[in-house]
C-alpha atoms as a PDB file:
ATOM      1  CA  MET A   1      44.750  51.272  76.854  1.00  0.00           C
ATOM      2  CA  ALA A   2      42.647  48.930  78.981  1.00  0.00           C
ATOM      3  CA  ARG A   3      42.116  45.410  77.655  1.00  0.00           C
ATOM      4  CA  ILE A   4      39.191  43.043  78.010  1.00  0.00           C
ATOM      5  CA  ASP A   5      39.608  39.386  77.082  1.00  0.00           C
ATOM      6  CA  TYR A   6      36.105  38.318  76.096  1.00  0.00           C
ATOM      7  CA  TYR A   7      35.578  34.562  76.365  1.00  0.00           C
ATOM      8  CA  PHE A   8      32.277  33.348  74.964  1.00  0.00           C
ATOM      9  CA  SER A   9      30.419  30.611  73.141  1.00  0.00           C
ATOM     10  CA  THR A  10      28.371  31.357  70.034  1.00  0.00           C
ATOM     11  CA  ILE A  11      25.666  28.957  71.270  1.00  0.00           C
ATOM     12  CA  SER A  12      25.210  30.590  74.682  1.00  0.00           C
ATOM     13  CA  PRO A  13      21.835  32.288  75.272  1.00  0.00           C
ATOM     14  CA  TYR A  14      23.238  34.502  77.995  1.00  0.00           C
ATOM     15  CA  THR A  15      25.942  35.693  75.615  1.00  0.00           C
ATOM     16  CA  TYR A  16      23.180  36.596  73.155  1.00  0.00           C
ATOM     17  CA  LEU A  17      21.417  38.557  75.909  1.00  0.00           C
ATOM     18  CA  ALA A  18      24.576  40.611  76.466  1.00  0.00           C
ATOM     19  CA  GLY A  19      23.784  42.302  73.154  1.00  0.00           C
ATOM     20  CA  THR A  20      26.415  44.860  72.216  1.00  0.00           C
ATOM     21  CA  GLU A  21      26.718  46.341  75.706  1.00  0.00           C
ATOM     22  CA  LEU A  22      30.333  45.201  76.021  1.00  0.00           C
ATOM     23  CA  GLU A  23      31.285  47.237  72.972  1.00  0.00           C
ATOM     24  CA  GLU A  24      29.513  50.296  74.391  1.00  0.00           C
ATOM     25  CA  ILE A  25      31.397  49.899  77.674  1.00  0.00           C
ATOM     26  CA  ALA A  26      34.720  49.446  75.867  1.00  0.00           C
ATOM     27  CA  ALA A  27      34.112  52.587  73.816  1.00  0.00           C
ATOM     28  CA  ARG A  28      33.381  54.617  76.968  1.00  0.00           C
ATOM     29  CA  HIS A  29      36.658  53.562  78.554  1.00  0.00           C
ATOM     30  CA  ASP A  30      38.809  53.429  75.407  1.00  0.00           C
ATOM     31  CA  ALA A  31      39.337  49.730  76.063  1.00  0.00           C
ATOM     32  CA  GLU A  32      40.426  47.061  73.587  1.00  0.00           C
ATOM     33  CA  VAL A  33      38.223  43.976  73.342  1.00  0.00           C
ATOM     34  CA  VAL A  34      39.934  40.713  72.381  1.00  0.00           C
ATOM     35  CA  TYR A  35      37.279  38.278  71.170  1.00  0.00           C
ATOM     36  CA  ARG A  36      38.055  34.723  72.275  1.00  0.00           C
ATOM     37  CA  PRO A  37      35.350  32.245  71.278  1.00  0.00           C
ATOM     38  CA  PHE A  38      35.917  28.874  72.923  1.00  0.00           C
ATOM     39  CA  ASP A  39      34.363  25.423  73.125  1.00  0.00           C
ATOM     40  CA  ILE A  40      32.077  25.679  76.145  1.00  0.00           C
ATOM     41  CA  MET A  41      31.048  22.029  75.885  1.00  0.00           C
ATOM     42  CA  ALA A  42      34.677  20.950  76.228  1.00  0.00           C
ATOM     43  CA  ALA A  43      35.210  23.415  79.081  1.00  0.00           C
ATOM     44  CA  PHE A  44      32.305  22.198  81.237  1.00  0.00           C
ATOM     45  CA  PRO A  45      33.810  18.875  82.371  1.00  0.00           C
ATOM     46  CA  ARG A  46      37.139  20.586  83.052  1.00  0.00           C
ATOM     47  CA  THR A  47      35.665  23.378  85.169  1.00  0.00           C
ATOM     48  CA  GLY A  48      32.893  21.693  87.137  1.00  0.00           C
ATOM     49  CA  GLY A  49      30.004  22.422  84.812  1.00  0.00           C
ATOM     50  CA  LEU A  50      27.467  20.319  82.938  1.00  0.00           C
ATOM     51  CA  PRO A  51      25.787  20.733  79.551  1.00  0.00           C
ATOM     52  CA  VAL A  52      22.103  21.632  79.739  1.00  0.00           C
ATOM     53  CA  SER A  53      21.005  18.092  78.855  1.00  0.00           C
ATOM     54  CA  GLU A  54      22.793  16.701  81.919  1.00  0.00           C
ATOM     55  CA  ARG A  55      21.759  19.299  84.500  1.00  0.00           C
ATOM     56  CA  HIS A  56      19.331  18.613  87.316  1.00  0.00           C
ATOM     57  CA  PRO A  57      15.688  19.368  86.372  1.00  0.00           C
ATOM     58  CA  SER A  58      15.519  22.135  88.961  1.00  0.00           C
ATOM     59  CA  ARG A  59      18.333  23.990  87.212  1.00  0.00           C
ATOM     60  CA  ASN A  60      16.710  23.579  83.818  1.00  0.00           C
ATOM     61  CA  ASP A  61      13.340  24.701  85.177  1.00  0.00           C
ATOM     62  CA  TYR A  62      14.988  27.848  86.491  1.00  0.00           C
ATOM     63  CA  ARG A  63      16.762  28.434  83.162  1.00  0.00           C
ATOM     64  CA  ALA A  64      13.436  28.129  81.329  1.00  0.00           C
ATOM     65  CA  GLN A  65      11.991  30.898  83.510  1.00  0.00           C
ATOM     66  CA  ASP A  66      15.059  33.099  83.714  1.00  0.00           C
ATOM     67  CA  LEU A  67      15.930  33.377  80.026  1.00  0.00           C
ATOM     68  CA  PRO A  68      12.545  34.846  78.961  1.00  0.00           C
ATOM     69  CA  ARG A  69      12.642  37.238  81.927  1.00  0.00           C
ATOM     70  CA  GLN A  70      16.100  38.467  81.004  1.00  0.00           C
ATOM     71  CA  ALA A  71      15.121  38.823  77.344  1.00  0.00           C
ATOM     72  CA  LYS A  72      12.012  40.823  78.276  1.00  0.00           C
ATOM     73  CA  LYS A  73      14.028  43.037  80.603  1.00  0.00           C
ATOM     74  CA  ARG A  74      16.408  43.852  77.775  1.00  0.00           C
ATOM     75  CA  GLY A  75      13.694  44.179  75.125  1.00  0.00           C
ATOM     76  CA  MET A  76      15.182  41.375  73.030  1.00  0.00           C
ATOM     77  CA  PRO A  77      13.350  38.626  71.150  1.00  0.00           C
ATOM     78  CA  LEU A  78      14.173  35.084  72.265  1.00  0.00           C
ATOM     79  CA  VAL A  79      13.400  31.606  70.984  1.00  0.00           C
ATOM     80  CA  LEU A  80      13.696  29.544  74.159  1.00  0.00           C
ATOM     81  CA  LYS A  81      14.160  26.241  72.332  1.00  0.00           C
ATOM     82  CA  PRO A  82      15.831  26.958  68.985  1.00  0.00           C
ATOM     83  CA  ALA A  83      15.348  24.328  66.302  1.00  0.00           C
ATOM     84  CA  HIS A  84      19.101  24.149  65.671  1.00  0.00           C
ATOM     85  CA  TRP A  85      20.427  24.076  69.215  1.00  0.00           C
ATOM     86  CA  PRO A  86      22.823  22.873  70.314  1.00  0.00           C
ATOM     87  CA  THR A  87      24.664  23.071  67.026  1.00  0.00           C
ATOM     88  CA  ASN A  88      28.351  22.918  66.179  1.00  0.00           C
ATOM     89  CA  ALA A  89      29.797  26.203  67.450  1.00  0.00           C
ATOM     90  CA  ALA A  90      33.148  25.732  65.699  1.00  0.00           C
ATOM     91  CA  PRO A  91      32.344  27.131  62.206  1.00  0.00           C
ATOM     92  CA  SER A  92      30.902  30.396  63.550  1.00  0.00           C
ATOM     93  CA  SER A  93      33.794  30.673  66.007  1.00  0.00           C
ATOM     94  CA  TYR A  94      36.336  30.177  63.218  1.00  0.00           C
ATOM     95  CA  ALA A  95      34.663  32.980  61.258  1.00  0.00           C
ATOM     96  CA  ILE A  96      34.887  35.322  64.259  1.00  0.00           C
ATOM     97  CA  ILE A  97      38.569  34.480  64.714  1.00  0.00           C
ATOM     98  CA  ALA A  98      39.264  35.091  61.013  1.00  0.00           C
ATOM     99  CA  ALA A  99      37.335  38.369  61.083  1.00  0.00           C
ATOM    100  CA  GLN A 100      39.258  39.634  64.099  1.00  0.00           C
ATOM    101  CA  SER A 101      42.517  38.789  62.347  1.00  0.00           C
ATOM    102  CA  SER A 102      41.553  40.436  59.061  1.00  0.00           C
ATOM    103  CA  GLY A 103      39.881  43.551  60.442  1.00  0.00           C
ATOM    104  CA  GLY A 104      37.756  45.904  58.400  1.00  0.00           C
ATOM    105  CA  GLY A 105      34.365  45.253  59.961  1.00  0.00           C
ATOM    106  CA  ASP A 106      32.414  45.564  63.200  1.00  0.00           C
ATOM    107  CA  MET A 107      33.343  42.713  65.537  1.00  0.00           C
ATOM    108  CA  GLY A 108      30.600  43.402  68.053  1.00  0.00           C
ATOM    109  CA  ALA A 109      28.006  43.413  65.286  1.00  0.00           C
ATOM    110  CA  LEU A 110      29.351  40.124  63.904  1.00  0.00           C
ATOM    111  CA  VAL A 111      29.256  38.322  67.239  1.00  0.00           C
ATOM    112  CA  HIS A 112      25.784  39.601  68.055  1.00  0.00           C
ATOM    113  CA  SER A 113      24.526  38.790  64.559  1.00  0.00           C
ATOM    114  CA  LEU A 114      25.543  35.152  64.916  1.00  0.00           C
ATOM    115  CA  LEU A 115      24.031  34.881  68.392  1.00  0.00           C
ATOM    116  CA  ARG A 116      20.843  36.607  67.235  1.00  0.00           C
ATOM    117  CA  ALA A 117      20.614  34.194  64.294  1.00  0.00           C
ATOM    118  CA  CYS A 118      20.569  31.287  66.751  1.00  0.00           C
ATOM    119  CA  TRP A 119      18.477  32.697  69.595  1.00  0.00           C
ATOM    120  CA  ALA A 120      16.034  35.031  67.832  1.00  0.00           C
ATOM    121  CA  GLU A 121      15.896  33.967  64.182  1.00  0.00           C
ATOM    122  CA  ASP A 122      15.942  30.169  64.576  1.00  0.00           C
ATOM    123  CA  LYS A 123      18.829  29.715  62.136  1.00  0.00           C
ATOM    124  CA  ASP A 124      21.605  27.123  62.209  1.00  0.00           C
ATOM    125  CA  ILE A 125      24.821  29.041  62.787  1.00  0.00           C
ATOM    126  CA  ALA A 126      26.870  26.023  61.737  1.00  0.00           C
ATOM    127  CA  GLN A 127      25.615  26.529  58.162  1.00  0.00           C
ATOM    128  CA  ASP A 128      27.877  28.294  55.678  1.00  0.00           C
ATOM    129  CA  ASP A 129      25.172  30.549  54.240  1.00  0.00           C
ATOM    130  CA  VAL A 130      24.151  31.816  57.686  1.00  0.00           C
ATOM    131  CA  ILE A 131      27.771  32.557  58.648  1.00  0.00           C
ATOM    132  CA  ARG A 132      28.436  34.325  55.343  1.00  0.00           C
ATOM    133  CA  ALA A 133      25.357  36.492  55.756  1.00  0.00           C
ATOM    134  CA  CYS A 134      26.437  37.508  59.257  1.00  0.00           C
ATOM    135  CA  LEU A 135      29.957  38.334  58.080  1.00  0.00           C
ATOM    136  CA  SER A 136      28.605  40.459  55.256  1.00  0.00           C
ATOM    137  CA  GLU A 137      26.095  42.217  57.506  1.00  0.00           C
ATOM    138  CA  ALA A 138      28.920  43.234  59.867  1.00  0.00           C
ATOM    139  CA  GLY A 139      31.105  44.582  57.057  1.00  0.00           C
ATOM    140  CA  PHE A 140      33.451  41.618  56.625  1.00  0.00           C
ATOM    141  CA  ASP A 141      34.347  39.601  53.544  1.00  0.00           C
ATOM    142  CA  PRO A 142      31.983  36.595  53.556  1.00  0.00           C
ATOM    143  CA  GLY A 143      34.880  34.553  52.141  1.00  0.00           C
ATOM    144  CA  LEU A 144      36.363  34.551  55.637  1.00  0.00           C
ATOM    145  CA  ALA A 145      33.968  31.677  56.330  1.00  0.00           C
ATOM    146  CA  ASP A 146      36.334  29.557  54.234  1.00  0.00           C
ATOM    147  CA  SER A 147      39.746  31.204  54.330  1.00  0.00           C
ATOM    148  CA  GLY A 148      40.106  31.195  58.117  1.00  0.00           C
ATOM    149  CA  LEU A 149      39.421  27.530  58.739  1.00  0.00           C
ATOM    150  CA  LEU A 150      42.925  26.275  59.614  1.00  0.00           C
ATOM    151  CA  ALA A 151      44.027  29.245  61.703  1.00  0.00           C
ATOM    152  CA  GLY A 152      40.569  29.379  63.226  1.00  0.00           C
ATOM    153  CA  ALA A 153      40.744  25.783  64.397  1.00  0.00           C
ATOM    154  CA  GLU A 154      44.140  26.315  66.009  1.00  0.00           C
ATOM    155  CA  THR A 155      43.093  29.521  67.757  1.00  0.00           C
ATOM    156  CA  TYR A 156      39.775  28.021  68.867  1.00  0.00           C
ATOM    157  CA  ALA A 157      41.644  25.166  70.562  1.00  0.00           C
ATOM    158  CA  ALA A 158      44.140  27.585  72.106  1.00  0.00           C
ATOM    159  CA  ASN A 159      41.278  29.768  73.391  1.00  0.00           C
ATOM    160  CA  LEU A 160      39.870  26.774  75.265  1.00  0.00           C
ATOM    161  CA  GLU A 161      43.188  26.078  76.967  1.00  0.00           C
ATOM    162  CA  ASP A 162      43.668  29.746  77.796  1.00  0.00           C
ATOM    163  CA  ALA A 163      40.112  29.960  79.146  1.00  0.00           C
ATOM    164  CA  VAL A 164      40.557  27.000  81.481  1.00  0.00           C
ATOM    165  CA  ALA A 165      43.946  28.292  82.635  1.00  0.00           C
ATOM    166  CA  ALA A 166      42.471  31.738  83.303  1.00  0.00           C
ATOM    167  CA  GLY A 167      39.604  30.384  85.412  1.00  0.00           C
ATOM    168  CA  VAL A 168      36.821  30.763  82.854  1.00  0.00           C
ATOM    169  CA  PHE A 169      33.896  28.413  83.484  1.00  0.00           C
ATOM    170  CA  GLY A 170      30.956  29.925  81.621  1.00  0.00           C
ATOM    171  CA  SER A 171      29.824  32.290  78.882  1.00  0.00           C
ATOM    172  CA  PRO A 172      29.962  35.229  78.595  1.00  0.00           C
ATOM    173  CA  PHE A 173      33.100  35.783  80.653  1.00  0.00           C
ATOM    174  CA  TYR A 174      35.148  38.978  80.763  1.00  0.00           C
ATOM    175  CA  ILE A 175      38.686  39.362  82.133  1.00  0.00           C
ATOM    176  CA  THR A 176      40.312  42.764  82.400  1.00  0.00           C
ATOM    177  CA  GLY A 177      43.991  43.473  81.940  1.00  0.00           C
ATOM    178  CA  ASP A 178      44.442  43.694  85.702  1.00  0.00           C
ATOM    179  CA  GLY A 179      42.970  40.219  86.200  1.00  0.00           C
ATOM    180  CA  GLN A 180      39.448  41.066  87.359  1.00  0.00           C
ATOM    181  CA  LYS A 181      36.872  38.487  86.245  1.00  0.00           C
ATOM    182  CA  PHE A 182      33.206  39.041  85.440  1.00  0.00           C
ATOM    183  CA  TRP A 183      30.861  36.174  84.552  1.00  0.00           C
ATOM    184  CA  GLY A 184      27.526  36.699  82.879  1.00  0.00           C
ATOM    185  CA  GLN A 185      25.728  39.424  80.987  1.00  0.00           C
ATOM    186  CA  ASP A 186      24.314  40.583  84.315  1.00  0.00           C
ATOM    187  CA  ARG A 187      27.828  41.574  85.450  1.00  0.00           C
ATOM    188  CA  LEU A 188      28.456  44.044  82.632  1.00  0.00           C
ATOM    189  CA  GLU A 189      27.507  46.926  84.919  1.00  0.00           C
ATOM    190  CA  ASP A 190      30.184  45.759  87.364  1.00  0.00           C
ATOM    191  CA  LEU A 191      32.731  45.602  84.524  1.00  0.00           C
ATOM    192  CA  ASP A 192      31.786  49.161  83.559  1.00  0.00           C
ATOM    193  CA  LEU A 193      32.191  50.387  87.131  1.00  0.00           C
ATOM    194  CA  HIS A 194      35.530  48.607  87.486  1.00  0.00           C
ATOM    195  CA  LEU A 195      36.894  50.229  84.345  1.00  0.00           C
ATOM    196  CA  ALA A 196      35.691  53.567  85.682  1.00  0.00           C
ATOM    197  CA  GLY A 197      37.705  52.945  88.851  1.00  0.00           C
ATOM    198  CA  THR A 198      34.714  52.952  91.199  1.00  0.00           C
ATOM    199  CA  LEU A 199      34.451  49.208  91.845  1.00  0.00           C
END
């Protein structure tokens, strides 16, 4: 079975715009997706990136134009400047890690629900009630918001180290079992073609 290591941040707008296309691609190719949320803010200084607040105005101007275009292209609602962004991505990431470990729900739906809460519904995904609602909506025990805290913290830290070691520098980032890397929601088509053996 093919494997896709999916590195992402729950506060990344481009990860939100990926929707659930990764899961559709994985299903087509009978591929396993390993969800690896990581601390993008901690990764930036280690991989040559900058947080939005520190980027040159020209880059931020482009981002402000590009995000609405991409959202419109995909038919997805988008709040360009969410009230609760940037927020602490750790609690939502811990919940994803706990959910993946426990099983029983829809991981793609959980990840997208949390991202949608931030980028379309103007909710604070660091808040316990928001995380619990997303867990429940995706078929998971909402108690995972609490029970997975310790293991979640350890895995979240390990995911960052693994991401940096693997050459991950942004979100979303996909790495196949044969070492091919794809950065950005706009490279999902390339990932699909690679798994099909045509690229």
